[in-house]
Every structure is written in C-alpha cells, then in structure tokens.
Amino acid sequence: MSALCFLPPSRLNVTNVFLTIIVFYEGKCFTGRKLEICSDCDNFQDRGFMNRVNSVRVESGAFVCFDHPDFKGQQYILEHGEYPEFQRWNAHNDHMGSCKPIRMHGEHYRMELFEGDNFSGQCVELCDDCPFLQARGLTKNCINSIKVYGDGAWVLYEEPNYRGRMYVVERGNYCTHMEWQAENPNIQSIRRVANYF
C-alpha cells in the first residue's frame, strides 16, 4: 500500500492540487526491492536504492527520469501506468539515478518553436501533438529556442513519430537547446504530456 505524498506547499497550484507517486522496482514485472518517490529525488542511492531499475509503476502524475543522479543524462518520460520492463520506457539498459515530477498546471497547451537561438529565425506555433515538424512548415530539423505558454508540459523527440532521445519542457522560455539538456538542436517531433491521472 502506498503512502500519501504531497508536493511541498511552494509547488502547489491552488487550482490543481494533486498527488504524484512513482514506484521503482529492481526486478522485472514489479518484483524485488522497491523505491517509492513522491517529489524530486536527485539520487536514488541516497535513499538506499541501487541505480538498477527493471520495472516502474506510475500511480499518479507523470515523471521525467534520468539515467544518472542529479537529473543528468538520458531522459525518460514516464506517464501514469505500468512499465514491466525497461524497454517499455525506451531505455537500452536498466540504469536510472534520479527523477522528478512533471509540473502540470492544467490542460491548455501552446508553444512557439524557433530555429535560432534567443527566439530568432523561423517560428512555428503548436497547440497539439506533431509527429513530423517539417510538415508544419519548418525548413530545418533543428529547434534552438522555445517558448512554452499555457499549462501543460511537452516532450521533444530527436526523430519523427516520437522516437529517439527525448526531452521535457515545461512552461517557460528556453533560449538555447542546452537549456533542455540536449546535446544538439535536432528535434523532429513533439507531443503533449497528457496521460497524467
């Protein structure tokens, strides 16, 4: 049975108070030792849990998980549901070292994508999922800056049809691709984080 965990008061949105709970398991199919997280966790080892995760159950909320401690390395987006083996969240191995909840404020999605740094160059606005950005009029496959408006979070993918490395962006301004921890500006598909409860 899971313990109730609440976001700290500084992170609560008065109009949308919710629980976020994710449970990591060392073994496949939810077996072995487990670690339950309800908020930011910068290092699983600090909680007595090794960095080997073979299955995950997201009981509520959505999380961005990282294969290294301190919110670094490859990002994985885990939404409400069950993941009986690491391949289900598109990982190549069972390494995972940190995680944090994705901040959702509501259901209104809007973002502007810019080909240049600091919101320069060609711009495209999105309000819904896009499996191939070039179909929306972008002439290149690189996005160097983003403005996220509205309430929801987005997942950026390096390849079309929601494949490849992924990155989460939440409400705010991102002047360069490095601000969402990308090694390069190649983004070819984008989707909303929608499977939240």
N, C-alpha and C. Protein backbone atom coordinates (compact mmCIF):
# COMPACT_ATOMS: atom_id res chain seq x y z
N MET A 1 0.84 -1.17 0.00
CA MET A 1 0.00 0.00 0.00
C MET A 1 0.89 1.23 0.00
N SER A 2 0.57 2.20 -0.81
CA SER A 2 1.40 3.39 -0.96
C SER A 2 1.07 4.42 0.09
N ALA A 3 2.09 5.11 0.53
CA ALA A 3 1.89 6.23 1.44
C ALA A 3 1.46 7.44 0.64
N LEU A 4 0.67 8.29 1.24
CA LEU A 4 0.27 9.51 0.56
C LEU A 4 1.42 10.50 0.60
N CYS A 5 1.70 11.11 -0.52
CA CYS A 5 2.77 12.08 -0.60
C CYS A 5 2.25 13.32 -1.29
N PHE A 6 2.54 14.47 -0.75
CA PHE A 6 2.07 15.72 -1.32
C PHE A 6 3.25 16.56 -1.76
N LEU A 7 3.01 17.37 -2.78
CA LEU A 7 4.03 18.32 -3.20
C LEU A 7 4.23 19.33 -2.09
N PRO A 8 5.45 19.84 -1.91
CA PRO A 8 5.66 20.89 -0.93
C PRO A 8 4.77 22.09 -1.25
N PRO A 9 4.34 22.86 -0.22
CA PRO A 9 3.44 23.99 -0.46
C PRO A 9 3.94 24.97 -1.50
N SER A 10 5.25 25.15 -1.62
CA SER A 10 5.78 26.10 -2.59
C SER A 10 5.52 25.67 -4.02
N ARG A 11 5.20 24.39 -4.25
CA ARG A 11 4.97 23.90 -5.60
C ARG A 11 3.51 23.63 -5.90
N LEU A 12 2.65 23.89 -4.94
CA LEU A 12 1.23 23.64 -5.17
C LEU A 12 0.62 24.75 -5.99
N ASN A 13 -0.23 24.35 -6.92
CA ASN A 13 -1.03 25.30 -7.67
C ASN A 13 -2.41 25.25 -7.07
N VAL A 14 -2.92 26.38 -6.60
CA VAL A 14 -4.17 26.42 -5.86
C VAL A 14 -5.31 25.80 -6.65
N THR A 15 -5.30 25.93 -7.98
CA THR A 15 -6.40 25.41 -8.78
C THR A 15 -6.24 23.94 -9.14
N ASN A 16 -5.09 23.34 -8.88
CA ASN A 16 -4.89 21.95 -9.28
C ASN A 16 -3.95 21.25 -8.31
N VAL A 17 -4.45 20.86 -7.14
CA VAL A 17 -3.66 20.14 -6.15
C VAL A 17 -3.75 18.65 -6.47
N PHE A 18 -2.61 17.98 -6.56
CA PHE A 18 -2.61 16.57 -6.93
C PHE A 18 -1.46 15.85 -6.27
N LEU A 19 -1.57 14.55 -6.23
CA LEU A 19 -0.52 13.69 -5.73
C LEU A 19 0.34 13.24 -6.90
N THR A 20 1.61 13.01 -6.65
CA THR A 20 2.47 12.39 -7.64
C THR A 20 3.18 11.22 -6.97
N ILE A 21 3.01 10.03 -7.51
CA ILE A 21 3.62 8.85 -6.92
C ILE A 21 4.16 7.95 -8.03
N ILE A 22 5.44 7.58 -7.88
CA ILE A 22 6.08 6.63 -8.79
C ILE A 22 6.80 5.59 -7.94
N VAL A 23 6.74 4.33 -8.36
CA VAL A 23 7.39 3.25 -7.63
C VAL A 23 8.35 2.53 -8.58
N PHE A 24 9.63 2.47 -8.18
CA PHE A 24 10.67 1.79 -8.96
C PHE A 24 10.94 0.42 -8.34
N TYR A 25 11.16 -0.59 -9.20
CA TYR A 25 11.43 -1.95 -8.75
C TYR A 25 12.75 -2.43 -9.35
N GLU A 26 13.54 -3.16 -8.55
CA GLU A 26 14.80 -3.70 -9.07
C GLU A 26 14.56 -4.82 -10.08
N GLY A 27 13.53 -5.61 -9.90
CA GLY A 27 13.26 -6.73 -10.79
C GLY A 27 12.21 -6.42 -11.84
N LYS A 28 12.18 -7.25 -12.87
CA LYS A 28 11.14 -7.12 -13.89
C LYS A 28 9.78 -7.47 -13.29
N CYS A 29 8.73 -6.98 -13.92
CA CYS A 29 7.35 -7.29 -13.53
C CYS A 29 7.07 -6.98 -12.06
N PHE A 30 7.64 -5.87 -11.58
CA PHE A 30 7.33 -5.32 -10.26
C PHE A 30 7.75 -6.25 -9.13
N THR A 31 8.95 -6.82 -9.25
CA THR A 31 9.49 -7.71 -8.22
C THR A 31 10.74 -7.10 -7.62
N GLY A 32 11.18 -7.66 -6.50
CA GLY A 32 12.40 -7.22 -5.85
C GLY A 32 12.18 -5.97 -5.00
N ARG A 33 13.29 -5.41 -4.57
CA ARG A 33 13.23 -4.20 -3.74
C ARG A 33 12.54 -3.09 -4.51
N LYS A 34 11.89 -2.19 -3.76
CA LYS A 34 11.20 -1.09 -4.41
C LYS A 34 11.52 0.23 -3.72
N LEU A 35 11.36 1.30 -4.49
CA LEU A 35 11.57 2.66 -4.00
C LEU A 35 10.39 3.50 -4.45
N GLU A 36 9.70 4.11 -3.49
CA GLU A 36 8.56 4.97 -3.81
C GLU A 36 8.98 6.43 -3.69
N ILE A 37 8.67 7.20 -4.72
CA ILE A 37 9.05 8.61 -4.78
C ILE A 37 7.79 9.45 -5.00
N CYS A 38 7.73 10.59 -4.31
CA CYS A 38 6.57 11.48 -4.42
C CYS A 38 6.94 12.88 -4.87
N SER A 39 8.23 13.18 -4.94
CA SER A 39 8.68 14.51 -5.35
C SER A 39 10.07 14.36 -5.98
N ASP A 40 10.81 15.44 -6.13
CA ASP A 40 12.14 15.37 -6.72
C ASP A 40 13.04 14.43 -5.92
N CYS A 41 13.79 13.60 -6.61
CA CYS A 41 14.79 12.73 -5.98
C CYS A 41 16.05 12.81 -6.84
N ASP A 42 17.08 13.48 -6.33
CA ASP A 42 18.28 13.72 -7.13
C ASP A 42 19.26 12.55 -7.12
N ASN A 43 19.07 11.57 -6.24
CA ASN A 43 19.99 10.44 -6.21
C ASN A 43 19.32 9.25 -5.52
N PHE A 44 19.02 8.21 -6.28
CA PHE A 44 18.37 7.03 -5.71
C PHE A 44 19.24 6.37 -4.64
N GLN A 45 20.56 6.40 -4.81
CA GLN A 45 21.45 5.76 -3.85
C GLN A 45 21.37 6.42 -2.47
N ASP A 46 21.07 7.71 -2.43
CA ASP A 46 20.89 8.38 -1.13
C ASP A 46 19.70 7.83 -0.37
N ARG A 47 18.79 7.17 -1.06
CA ARG A 47 17.62 6.55 -0.43
C ARG A 47 17.82 5.05 -0.24
N GLY A 48 19.06 4.59 -0.41
CA GLY A 48 19.36 3.18 -0.20
C GLY A 48 18.96 2.27 -1.34
N PHE A 49 18.78 2.83 -2.52
CA PHE A 49 18.33 2.05 -3.68
C PHE A 49 19.40 2.13 -4.75
N MET A 50 19.81 0.98 -5.26
CA MET A 50 20.82 0.98 -6.31
C MET A 50 20.23 1.56 -7.59
N ASN A 51 21.08 1.89 -8.53
CA ASN A 51 20.64 2.52 -9.78
C ASN A 51 20.16 1.52 -10.81
N ARG A 52 19.71 0.36 -10.39
CA ARG A 52 19.18 -0.66 -11.29
C ARG A 52 17.66 -0.67 -11.17
N VAL A 53 16.99 -0.32 -12.26
CA VAL A 53 15.53 -0.29 -12.28
C VAL A 53 15.06 -1.11 -13.47
N ASN A 54 14.28 -2.15 -13.21
CA ASN A 54 13.80 -3.01 -14.28
C ASN A 54 12.30 -2.92 -14.52
N SER A 55 11.57 -2.30 -13.59
CA SER A 55 10.14 -2.07 -13.80
C SER A 55 9.70 -0.87 -12.98
N VAL A 56 8.63 -0.22 -13.46
CA VAL A 56 8.15 1.02 -12.83
C VAL A 56 6.63 1.03 -12.87
N ARG A 57 6.05 1.54 -11.80
CA ARG A 57 4.60 1.76 -11.76
C ARG A 57 4.39 3.24 -11.40
N VAL A 58 3.78 4.00 -12.31
CA VAL A 58 3.43 5.39 -12.03
C VAL A 58 1.98 5.39 -11.56
N GLU A 59 1.79 5.62 -10.27
CA GLU A 59 0.45 5.55 -9.70
C GLU A 59 -0.34 6.82 -9.94
N SER A 60 0.34 7.95 -9.97
CA SER A 60 -0.33 9.21 -10.31
C SER A 60 0.72 10.21 -10.75
N GLY A 61 0.32 11.10 -11.62
CA GLY A 61 1.24 12.09 -12.15
C GLY A 61 2.01 11.58 -13.35
N ALA A 62 3.02 12.34 -13.71
CA ALA A 62 3.96 11.98 -14.78
C ALA A 62 5.33 12.43 -14.31
N PHE A 63 6.36 11.69 -14.68
CA PHE A 63 7.70 11.96 -14.19
C PHE A 63 8.69 11.98 -15.34
N VAL A 64 9.74 12.78 -15.18
CA VAL A 64 10.90 12.69 -16.05
C VAL A 64 11.99 12.03 -15.21
N CYS A 65 12.53 10.92 -15.74
CA CYS A 65 13.56 10.15 -15.05
C CYS A 65 14.85 10.26 -15.84
N PHE A 66 15.97 10.15 -15.14
CA PHE A 66 17.29 10.32 -15.74
C PHE A 66 18.13 9.09 -15.44
N ASP A 67 19.00 8.72 -16.37
CA ASP A 67 19.81 7.53 -16.14
C ASP A 67 21.01 7.79 -15.23
N HIS A 68 21.21 9.03 -14.78
CA HIS A 68 22.27 9.37 -13.84
C HIS A 68 21.70 10.20 -12.69
N PRO A 69 22.41 10.25 -11.56
CA PRO A 69 21.98 11.13 -10.46
C PRO A 69 22.02 12.60 -10.88
N ASP A 70 21.44 13.44 -10.04
CA ASP A 70 21.46 14.90 -10.21
C ASP A 70 20.76 15.36 -11.48
N PHE A 71 19.74 14.62 -11.93
CA PHE A 71 18.92 14.99 -13.08
C PHE A 71 19.76 15.20 -14.34
N LYS A 72 20.70 14.27 -14.55
CA LYS A 72 21.59 14.34 -15.71
C LYS A 72 21.48 13.06 -16.53
N GLY A 73 21.90 13.19 -17.79
CA GLY A 73 21.92 12.03 -18.67
C GLY A 73 20.65 11.89 -19.49
N GLN A 74 20.47 10.70 -20.03
CA GLN A 74 19.31 10.40 -20.87
C GLN A 74 18.03 10.61 -20.07
N GLN A 75 17.04 11.27 -20.69
CA GLN A 75 15.74 11.50 -20.05
C GLN A 75 14.73 10.47 -20.54
N TYR A 76 13.87 10.05 -19.62
CA TYR A 76 12.76 9.15 -19.94
C TYR A 76 11.49 9.73 -19.35
N ILE A 77 10.43 9.77 -20.12
CA ILE A 77 9.17 10.31 -19.65
C ILE A 77 8.28 9.13 -19.30
N LEU A 78 7.86 9.08 -18.04
CA LEU A 78 7.00 8.00 -17.56
C LEU A 78 5.69 8.61 -17.10
N GLU A 79 4.62 8.27 -17.82
CA GLU A 79 3.30 8.78 -17.51
C GLU A 79 2.51 7.72 -16.74
N HIS A 80 1.35 8.09 -16.25
CA HIS A 80 0.51 7.19 -15.45
C HIS A 80 0.37 5.83 -16.14
N GLY A 81 0.71 4.76 -15.42
CA GLY A 81 0.62 3.43 -15.99
C GLY A 81 1.70 2.51 -15.46
N GLU A 82 1.81 1.33 -16.06
CA GLU A 82 2.77 0.31 -15.64
C GLU A 82 3.78 0.02 -16.75
N TYR A 83 5.03 -0.18 -16.33
CA TYR A 83 6.14 -0.47 -17.23
C TYR A 83 6.85 -1.71 -16.68
N PRO A 84 6.48 -2.94 -17.11
CA PRO A 84 7.01 -4.16 -16.51
C PRO A 84 8.48 -4.46 -16.83
N GLU A 85 9.06 -3.77 -17.81
CA GLU A 85 10.48 -3.94 -18.13
C GLU A 85 11.01 -2.64 -18.73
N PHE A 86 12.33 -2.43 -18.62
CA PHE A 86 12.89 -1.13 -19.00
C PHE A 86 12.72 -0.80 -20.48
N GLN A 87 12.56 -1.78 -21.34
CA GLN A 87 12.35 -1.49 -22.76
C GLN A 87 11.04 -0.73 -23.00
N ARG A 88 10.09 -0.84 -22.09
CA ARG A 88 8.79 -0.18 -22.24
C ARG A 88 8.89 1.34 -22.13
N TRP A 89 9.96 1.85 -21.49
CA TRP A 89 10.15 3.31 -21.48
C TRP A 89 11.30 3.71 -22.41
N ASN A 90 11.57 2.83 -23.39
CA ASN A 90 12.55 3.07 -24.46
C ASN A 90 13.99 3.17 -23.96
N ALA A 91 14.30 2.52 -22.85
CA ALA A 91 15.67 2.51 -22.33
C ALA A 91 16.44 1.36 -22.98
N HIS A 92 17.76 1.52 -23.05
CA HIS A 92 18.63 0.48 -23.59
C HIS A 92 19.25 -0.37 -22.48
N ASN A 93 19.11 0.09 -21.22
CA ASN A 93 19.61 -0.67 -20.08
C ASN A 93 18.79 -0.30 -18.85
N ASP A 94 19.15 -0.90 -17.71
CA ASP A 94 18.36 -0.71 -16.50
C ASP A 94 18.90 0.38 -15.58
N HIS A 95 19.75 1.26 -16.07
CA HIS A 95 20.31 2.34 -15.24
C HIS A 95 19.30 3.47 -15.08
N MET A 96 19.09 3.89 -13.84
CA MET A 96 18.28 5.06 -13.55
C MET A 96 18.75 5.62 -12.22
N GLY A 97 19.00 6.94 -12.17
CA GLY A 97 19.59 7.50 -10.96
C GLY A 97 18.85 8.63 -10.30
N SER A 98 17.88 9.26 -11.00
CA SER A 98 17.15 10.39 -10.41
C SER A 98 15.84 10.58 -11.16
N CYS A 99 14.92 11.32 -10.53
CA CYS A 99 13.63 11.61 -11.18
C CYS A 99 12.98 12.82 -10.54
N LYS A 100 12.04 13.41 -11.26
CA LYS A 100 11.23 14.50 -10.69
C LYS A 100 9.89 14.54 -11.40
N PRO A 101 8.85 14.97 -10.68
CA PRO A 101 7.53 15.07 -11.30
C PRO A 101 7.52 16.14 -12.38
N ILE A 102 6.72 15.91 -13.40
CA ILE A 102 6.49 16.93 -14.42
C ILE A 102 5.40 17.84 -13.90
N ARG A 103 5.65 19.13 -13.91
CA ARG A 103 4.71 20.10 -13.37
C ARG A 103 3.61 20.38 -14.38
N MET A 104 2.40 20.04 -14.01
CA MET A 104 1.24 20.30 -14.86
C MET A 104 0.35 21.32 -14.15
N HIS A 105 -0.12 22.29 -14.89
CA HIS A 105 -0.94 23.34 -14.30
C HIS A 105 -2.36 23.32 -14.83
N GLY A 106 -2.64 22.51 -15.81
CA GLY A 106 -3.96 22.46 -16.43
C GLY A 106 -3.88 21.74 -17.76
N GLU A 107 -4.81 22.03 -18.64
CA GLU A 107 -4.88 21.31 -19.91
C GLU A 107 -4.81 22.21 -21.14
N HIS A 108 -4.27 23.40 -21.01
CA HIS A 108 -4.13 24.31 -22.14
C HIS A 108 -2.68 24.29 -22.61
N TYR A 109 -2.47 23.83 -23.84
CA TYR A 109 -1.13 23.65 -24.38
C TYR A 109 -0.87 24.66 -25.49
N ARG A 110 0.30 25.29 -25.43
CA ARG A 110 0.72 26.19 -26.51
C ARG A 110 2.21 26.43 -26.39
N MET A 111 2.90 26.39 -27.53
CA MET A 111 4.34 26.66 -27.54
C MET A 111 4.74 27.27 -28.88
N GLU A 112 5.85 28.01 -28.86
CA GLU A 112 6.46 28.54 -30.07
C GLU A 112 7.86 27.96 -30.19
N LEU A 113 8.18 27.46 -31.38
CA LEU A 113 9.47 26.87 -31.68
C LEU A 113 10.24 27.79 -32.61
N PHE A 114 11.51 28.01 -32.33
CA PHE A 114 12.34 28.90 -33.13
C PHE A 114 13.56 28.14 -33.64
N GLU A 115 13.91 28.37 -34.90
CA GLU A 115 15.09 27.71 -35.47
C GLU A 115 16.39 28.29 -34.93
N GLY A 116 16.39 29.55 -34.50
CA GLY A 116 17.60 30.19 -34.00
C GLY A 116 17.61 30.33 -32.49
N ASP A 117 18.81 30.57 -31.94
CA ASP A 117 18.94 30.87 -30.52
C ASP A 117 18.20 32.15 -30.17
N ASN A 118 17.85 32.30 -28.91
CA ASN A 118 17.25 33.53 -28.40
C ASN A 118 16.02 33.97 -29.19
N PHE A 119 15.21 32.99 -29.58
CA PHE A 119 13.91 33.24 -30.21
C PHE A 119 14.03 33.98 -31.54
N SER A 120 15.02 33.56 -32.33
CA SER A 120 15.24 34.18 -33.64
C SER A 120 14.97 33.14 -34.73
N GLY A 121 14.90 33.62 -35.96
CA GLY A 121 14.69 32.74 -37.10
C GLY A 121 13.24 32.34 -37.27
N GLN A 122 13.03 31.37 -38.14
CA GLN A 122 11.67 30.90 -38.43
C GLN A 122 11.00 30.41 -37.15
N CYS A 123 9.70 30.70 -37.03
CA CYS A 123 8.92 30.34 -35.84
C CYS A 123 7.68 29.56 -36.24
N VAL A 124 7.37 28.52 -35.47
CA VAL A 124 6.14 27.74 -35.66
C VAL A 124 5.46 27.62 -34.30
N GLU A 125 4.14 27.81 -34.29
CA GLU A 125 3.36 27.66 -33.06
C GLU A 125 2.65 26.32 -33.06
N LEU A 126 2.65 25.64 -31.91
CA LEU A 126 1.95 24.37 -31.75
C LEU A 126 0.98 24.44 -30.58
N CYS A 127 -0.15 23.78 -30.75
CA CYS A 127 -1.14 23.63 -29.68
C CYS A 127 -1.53 22.17 -29.50
N ASP A 128 -0.98 21.29 -30.35
CA ASP A 128 -1.28 19.87 -30.26
C ASP A 128 -0.07 19.05 -30.69
N ASP A 129 -0.18 17.74 -30.63
CA ASP A 129 0.92 16.86 -30.98
C ASP A 129 1.32 17.02 -32.44
N CYS A 130 2.60 16.80 -32.73
CA CYS A 130 3.10 16.92 -34.10
C CYS A 130 4.12 15.80 -34.35
N PRO A 131 3.76 14.77 -35.15
CA PRO A 131 4.67 13.65 -35.39
C PRO A 131 5.83 13.97 -36.33
N PHE A 132 5.73 15.08 -37.08
CA PHE A 132 6.81 15.45 -38.00
C PHE A 132 6.79 16.96 -38.19
N LEU A 133 7.72 17.66 -37.56
CA LEU A 133 7.71 19.13 -37.56
C LEU A 133 7.86 19.74 -38.94
N GLN A 134 8.60 19.10 -39.83
CA GLN A 134 8.78 19.68 -41.16
C GLN A 134 7.45 19.77 -41.90
N ALA A 135 6.47 18.96 -41.55
CA ALA A 135 5.14 19.04 -42.15
C ALA A 135 4.40 20.31 -41.73
N ARG A 136 4.88 20.97 -40.68
CA ARG A 136 4.28 22.22 -40.21
C ARG A 136 4.97 23.45 -40.80
N GLY A 137 5.87 23.22 -41.73
CA GLY A 137 6.48 24.35 -42.41
C GLY A 137 7.90 24.68 -42.02
N LEU A 138 8.48 23.97 -41.07
CA LEU A 138 9.88 24.23 -40.72
C LEU A 138 10.77 23.74 -41.85
N THR A 139 11.77 24.52 -42.20
CA THR A 139 12.66 24.15 -43.30
C THR A 139 13.84 23.31 -42.83
N LYS A 140 14.13 23.32 -41.54
CA LYS A 140 15.24 22.55 -40.98
C LYS A 140 14.71 21.62 -39.89
N ASN A 141 15.54 20.69 -39.46
CA ASN A 141 15.12 19.81 -38.37
C ASN A 141 15.75 20.22 -37.04
N CYS A 142 16.12 21.50 -36.92
CA CYS A 142 16.71 21.95 -35.67
C CYS A 142 15.86 23.04 -35.02
N ILE A 143 15.70 22.89 -33.72
CA ILE A 143 15.00 23.87 -32.89
C ILE A 143 16.00 24.34 -31.85
N ASN A 144 16.31 25.62 -31.85
CA ASN A 144 17.32 26.14 -30.93
C ASN A 144 16.74 26.89 -29.74
N SER A 145 15.49 27.32 -29.82
CA SER A 145 14.87 28.00 -28.68
C SER A 145 13.37 27.78 -28.70
N ILE A 146 12.78 27.84 -27.51
CA ILE A 146 11.35 27.52 -27.34
C ILE A 146 10.74 28.43 -26.29
N LYS A 147 9.49 28.83 -26.54
CA LYS A 147 8.68 29.50 -25.52
C LYS A 147 7.47 28.60 -25.26
N VAL A 148 7.32 28.16 -24.02
CA VAL A 148 6.19 27.31 -23.64
C VAL A 148 5.20 28.16 -22.85
N TYR A 149 4.00 28.28 -23.39
CA TYR A 149 2.93 29.02 -22.74
C TYR A 149 1.91 28.01 -22.22
N GLY A 150 0.85 28.51 -21.64
CA GLY A 150 -0.22 27.61 -21.23
C GLY A 150 0.15 26.80 -20.01
N ASP A 151 -0.55 25.69 -19.86
CA ASP A 151 -0.48 24.93 -18.62
C ASP A 151 0.31 23.65 -18.70
N GLY A 152 0.41 23.05 -19.87
CA GLY A 152 0.93 21.70 -19.97
C GLY A 152 2.40 21.61 -20.29
N ALA A 153 2.95 20.40 -20.10
CA ALA A 153 4.33 20.09 -20.44
C ALA A 153 4.36 19.36 -21.77
N TRP A 154 5.51 19.41 -22.43
CA TRP A 154 5.70 18.81 -23.75
C TRP A 154 6.91 17.89 -23.74
N VAL A 155 6.90 16.89 -24.63
CA VAL A 155 8.05 16.01 -24.84
C VAL A 155 8.57 16.26 -26.24
N LEU A 156 9.87 16.57 -26.34
CA LEU A 156 10.54 16.79 -27.62
C LEU A 156 11.30 15.51 -27.99
N TYR A 157 11.25 15.12 -29.26
CA TYR A 157 11.94 13.92 -29.73
C TYR A 157 12.89 14.29 -30.87
N GLU A 158 14.05 13.63 -30.90
CA GLU A 158 15.04 13.90 -31.95
C GLU A 158 14.63 13.33 -33.30
N GLU A 159 13.74 12.36 -33.34
CA GLU A 159 13.34 11.73 -34.59
C GLU A 159 11.83 11.87 -34.82
N PRO A 160 11.39 11.71 -36.07
CA PRO A 160 9.94 11.76 -36.34
C PRO A 160 9.19 10.64 -35.62
N ASN A 161 7.87 10.83 -35.50
CA ASN A 161 6.98 9.82 -34.92
C ASN A 161 7.33 9.44 -33.49
N TYR A 162 7.80 10.44 -32.73
CA TYR A 162 8.02 10.29 -31.29
C TYR A 162 9.04 9.21 -30.97
N ARG A 163 10.18 9.26 -31.64
CA ARG A 163 11.26 8.30 -31.43
C ARG A 163 12.55 9.03 -31.12
N GLY A 164 13.51 8.27 -30.63
CA GLY A 164 14.82 8.82 -30.34
C GLY A 164 14.89 9.46 -28.96
N ARG A 165 16.00 10.15 -28.72
CA ARG A 165 16.18 10.82 -27.43
C ARG A 165 15.03 11.77 -27.19
N MET A 166 14.65 11.90 -25.92
CA MET A 166 13.51 12.75 -25.57
C MET A 166 13.90 13.74 -24.49
N TYR A 167 13.19 14.87 -24.49
CA TYR A 167 13.43 15.94 -23.54
C TYR A 167 12.09 16.54 -23.12
N VAL A 168 11.98 16.94 -21.87
CA VAL A 168 10.76 17.56 -21.37
C VAL A 168 10.96 19.06 -21.26
N VAL A 169 9.96 19.82 -21.71
CA VAL A 169 9.93 21.26 -21.48
C VAL A 169 8.60 21.60 -20.82
N GLU A 170 8.68 22.46 -19.82
CA GLU A 170 7.51 22.93 -19.10
C GLU A 170 7.36 24.42 -19.35
N ARG A 171 6.34 25.03 -18.79
CA ARG A 171 6.08 26.45 -19.01
C ARG A 171 7.34 27.27 -18.72
N GLY A 172 7.71 28.14 -19.68
CA GLY A 172 8.89 28.98 -19.53
C GLY A 172 9.57 29.22 -20.86
N ASN A 173 10.68 29.93 -20.82
CA ASN A 173 11.46 30.26 -22.01
C ASN A 173 12.78 29.49 -21.99
N TYR A 174 13.15 28.94 -23.14
CA TYR A 174 14.38 28.19 -23.31
C TYR A 174 15.15 28.85 -24.45
N CYS A 175 16.21 29.61 -24.11
CA CYS A 175 16.94 30.41 -25.10
C CYS A 175 17.83 29.58 -26.02
N THR A 176 18.29 28.43 -25.56
CA THR A 176 19.11 27.54 -26.39
C THR A 176 18.71 26.09 -26.10
N HIS A 177 19.08 25.20 -27.01
CA HIS A 177 18.76 23.78 -26.82
C HIS A 177 19.44 23.20 -25.58
N MET A 178 20.54 23.79 -25.14
CA MET A 178 21.24 23.29 -23.95
C MET A 178 20.40 23.48 -22.69
N GLU A 179 19.45 24.41 -22.71
CA GLU A 179 18.62 24.65 -21.53
C GLU A 179 17.61 23.52 -21.30
N TRP A 180 17.33 22.69 -22.30
CA TRP A 180 16.52 21.49 -22.06
C TRP A 180 17.41 20.24 -22.08
N GLN A 181 18.72 20.45 -21.91
CA GLN A 181 19.75 19.43 -21.75
C GLN A 181 20.02 18.62 -23.01
N ALA A 182 19.73 19.19 -24.17
CA ALA A 182 20.03 18.50 -25.43
C ALA A 182 21.48 18.74 -25.83
N GLU A 183 22.09 17.74 -26.44
CA GLU A 183 23.45 17.87 -26.94
C GLU A 183 23.47 18.59 -28.28
N ASN A 184 22.35 18.53 -29.01
CA ASN A 184 22.25 19.20 -30.30
C ASN A 184 20.81 19.68 -30.47
N PRO A 185 20.55 20.54 -31.46
CA PRO A 185 19.21 21.11 -31.62
C PRO A 185 18.25 20.28 -32.48
N ASN A 186 18.61 19.04 -32.79
CA ASN A 186 17.76 18.22 -33.66
C ASN A 186 16.48 17.80 -32.94
N ILE A 187 15.36 18.35 -33.36
CA ILE A 187 14.04 17.99 -32.84
C ILE A 187 13.14 17.81 -34.06
N GLN A 188 12.49 16.63 -34.17
CA GLN A 188 11.65 16.38 -35.34
C GLN A 188 10.21 16.03 -35.01
N SER A 189 9.90 15.74 -33.74
CA SER A 189 8.50 15.50 -33.35
C SER A 189 8.29 15.94 -31.91
N ILE A 190 7.05 16.30 -31.59
CA ILE A 190 6.71 16.84 -30.27
C ILE A 190 5.32 16.35 -29.89
N ARG A 191 5.16 16.00 -28.62
CA ARG A 191 3.82 15.63 -28.13
C ARG A 191 3.59 16.23 -26.75
N ARG A 192 2.32 16.36 -26.41
CA ARG A 192 1.93 16.85 -25.09
C ARG A 192 2.02 15.72 -24.07
N VAL A 193 2.32 16.06 -22.83
CA VAL A 193 2.20 15.09 -21.74
C VAL A 193 0.73 15.11 -21.36
N ALA A 194 0.02 14.03 -21.69
CA ALA A 194 -1.43 14.03 -21.50
C ALA A 194 -1.91 12.91 -20.58
N ASN A 195 -1.21 11.79 -20.52
CA ASN A 195 -1.64 10.65 -19.71
C ASN A 195 -1.16 10.87 -18.28
N TYR A 196 -1.90 11.68 -17.54
CA TYR A 196 -1.42 12.17 -16.27
C TYR A 196 -2.08 11.53 -15.06
N PHE A 197 -3.35 11.17 -15.15
CA PHE A 197 -4.06 10.62 -13.99
C PHE A 197 -4.51 9.20 -14.25
